[in-house]
């Protein structure tokens, strides 16, 4: 089908999301796309007619290599929730009018749960108006909470950064001759996959973290304090990993137990931060030991200097697989990764109906969380292949070089 391609990025960035963009761009050009446009700031930017001809920005193989190694969203991102079709057809009419003006036949959106909601709604509207545009979702999220797929591109590199950083924090925390408590807050919203990656720090050269708390289980503050006292009684310094999304019995996030400024995005997601600080202050005041709260925050998703080669390769592959599927006539689908072997590790790409993925949150199975505030070997075994190997940055004047759109 003759026509042009458009691609956008949405939601929280990752260190490999641009590798998926490179996969879409390169595969589309190789398969004969006339033009490949990029939405600036996702679907919101498209509504504002903000887009670029990527062929004018990505001109050489070196540009492709730089793009794959560039963290964050090259095209910019957004958190914009499309209205329900029955409530606001005018928005959809405007989007499809812009796509028609640009002669778009293939639409790709790189993102997580909320981005797949966008693909679902656009593909549904396309069917209603009998459009021939193909809509495909390309998965990404460090949270690893997308349904159906074995894992999401972006997760492996974030897990690698977390595990490596925890090893360094543990080394730092053990230097004193008196016990201290360090609490590290890790992203993931309501899914504990990223926090679980802290368990990978343990090895023959590292004692590992002492406790891990995931949002899949109710957080009992009294039990937590007792565990801390118990371990401190052995004269040990502690390093504890907590998810930003841990909640107490009444449903409140732990960070909500202290004074906080609340921000809620278009999809109703609260900004989660402050649980480590709250718990650190509580330990310091009630137990009387030196404490430290560390929020890894955006470092988890922008540390391109420590990407997993497995992750960045899979990110590129899902972008290419989305183009291949769309050019062969598929629409309203999401590319997913299917693990076919653990030893040696191997994943293949498939496509799956977006209606069975959008707005569905995949959480850590409870059987992978232990009763003694840790995670099982099965969960560690699941994550470990995803952090393997490295793709070194292209260094210029001692620092990584990135590709910049220049918006």
Foldseek 3Di string as FASTA:
>chain_A
DAFAEEEEEADWWFQQLLLLVLLQVVLCVVVPHPWYKYQQAPPVSVLVVHIDGCCVQQPDVVSSVQSRLATDTQRHYYQDADDQCVVPVPSLVSNVVSCVVRRAQEYEYEEAQRRLNVQLRNLVVCVVVVHNRFYEYEYADLLQFWPPFLGTQRVLLLLLVLLVVLQVVQVVLQPDQFAEEEEEEEENAQACLSQQSQQNNDDPVGPGADFTEHQVDADDLVVVLVLVVVVVVVRYHGYYYYYLHHHHPVGDGQQVVDDDDWDADPVRDIDGDRNQVSSQVVCCVPVPHHYHYHYCPCVSRRVSQQGAPLSSVVSSVQSNVRNVCVVVPHHQWYKHWDFPDLVVTDIDIDIDHSVVTHPGTHHDDPQQADPSRHGDVVSVSSNVVSRHDHDHADDDPRHHDHRHPPD
